[in-house]
Protein backbone atom coordinates (compact mmCIF):
# COMPACT_ATOMS: atom_id res chain seq x y z
CA UNK A 1 140.52 102.19 96.64
CA UNK A 2 140.80 104.86 93.96
CA UNK A 3 139.11 108.22 94.44
CA UNK A 4 136.44 109.61 92.11
CA UNK A 5 135.80 106.42 90.09
CA UNK A 6 132.73 105.09 91.90
CA UNK A 7 129.18 106.16 90.98
CA UNK A 8 127.05 108.21 93.35
CA UNK A 9 125.02 105.61 95.30
CA UNK A 10 122.23 107.60 96.94
CA UNK A 11 118.89 106.79 98.64
CA UNK A 12 116.01 106.19 96.23
CA UNK A 13 112.33 105.36 96.40
CA UNK A 14 110.74 102.81 94.09
CA UNK A 15 107.02 103.38 93.65
CA UNK A 16 104.71 100.69 92.25
CA UNK A 17 101.50 101.43 90.37
CA UNK A 18 99.61 99.64 93.19
CA UNK A 19 100.82 102.31 95.63
CA UNK A 20 103.55 100.29 97.36
CA UNK A 21 106.66 102.35 98.09
CA UNK A 22 110.05 100.69 98.62
CA UNK A 23 112.97 102.58 100.15
CA UNK A 24 116.29 101.51 98.64
CA UNK A 25 119.59 102.87 97.34
CA UNK A 26 120.42 103.34 93.67
CA UNK A 27 122.75 105.05 91.24
CA UNK A 28 119.71 105.70 89.04
CA UNK A 29 117.65 107.66 91.56
CA UNK A 30 113.94 107.30 92.25
CA UNK A 31 111.69 105.56 89.71
CA UNK A 32 108.32 103.80 89.26
CA UNK A 33 107.49 100.22 88.30
CA UNK A 34 104.30 98.58 87.04
CA UNK A 35 104.33 95.49 89.32
CA UNK A 36 106.10 94.65 92.56
CA UNK A 37 106.25 91.65 94.87
CA UNK A 38 103.22 92.99 96.76
CA UNK A 39 100.90 92.94 93.73
CA UNK A 40 102.42 90.38 91.32
CA UNK A 41 100.12 87.31 91.02
CA UNK A 42 103.02 84.83 91.29
CA UNK A 43 104.18 86.18 94.66
CA UNK A 44 100.71 86.79 96.11
CA UNK A 45 99.46 83.28 95.26
CA UNK A 46 96.63 84.51 93.06
CA UNK A 47 98.10 83.14 89.83
CA UNK A 48 95.84 80.70 88.02
CA UNK A 49 96.96 77.91 85.72
CA UNK A 50 95.34 78.04 82.33
CA UNK A 51 94.39 74.65 80.91
CA UNK A 52 94.76 75.39 77.23
CA UNK A 53 93.04 72.77 75.08
CA UNK A 54 93.06 70.16 77.85
CA UNK A 55 96.86 69.87 78.02
CA UNK A 56 96.91 69.10 81.72
CA UNK A 57 94.29 66.36 81.37
CA UNK A 58 96.11 64.92 78.38
CA UNK A 59 99.37 64.87 80.37
CA UNK A 60 97.73 63.14 83.35
CA UNK A 61 96.11 60.48 81.16
CA UNK A 62 99.37 59.78 79.33
CA UNK A 63 101.41 59.26 82.48
CA UNK A 64 98.64 57.46 84.37
CA UNK A 65 98.80 54.72 81.71
CA UNK A 66 102.58 54.44 82.06
CA UNK A 67 102.41 54.23 85.87
CA UNK A 68 99.70 51.58 85.67
CA UNK A 69 101.80 49.54 83.23
CA UNK A 70 104.85 49.74 85.51
CA UNK A 71 102.82 48.67 88.55
CA UNK A 72 101.81 45.37 86.88
């Protein structure tokens, strides 16, 4: 391995706006983020599906007809 070509990889803290602090290592140093896995709706299970203009109902009706036709 060559000397003096690798970046300085030092301990860093990543702080989320929700207050969660993650200890890690980085060449960038310490920094802040807006969302993390502790507060992001997708990872916490609090994400809600938006039914815009009845798209989900329209999809279910369309494929319910096709399944019923195949079953006959």
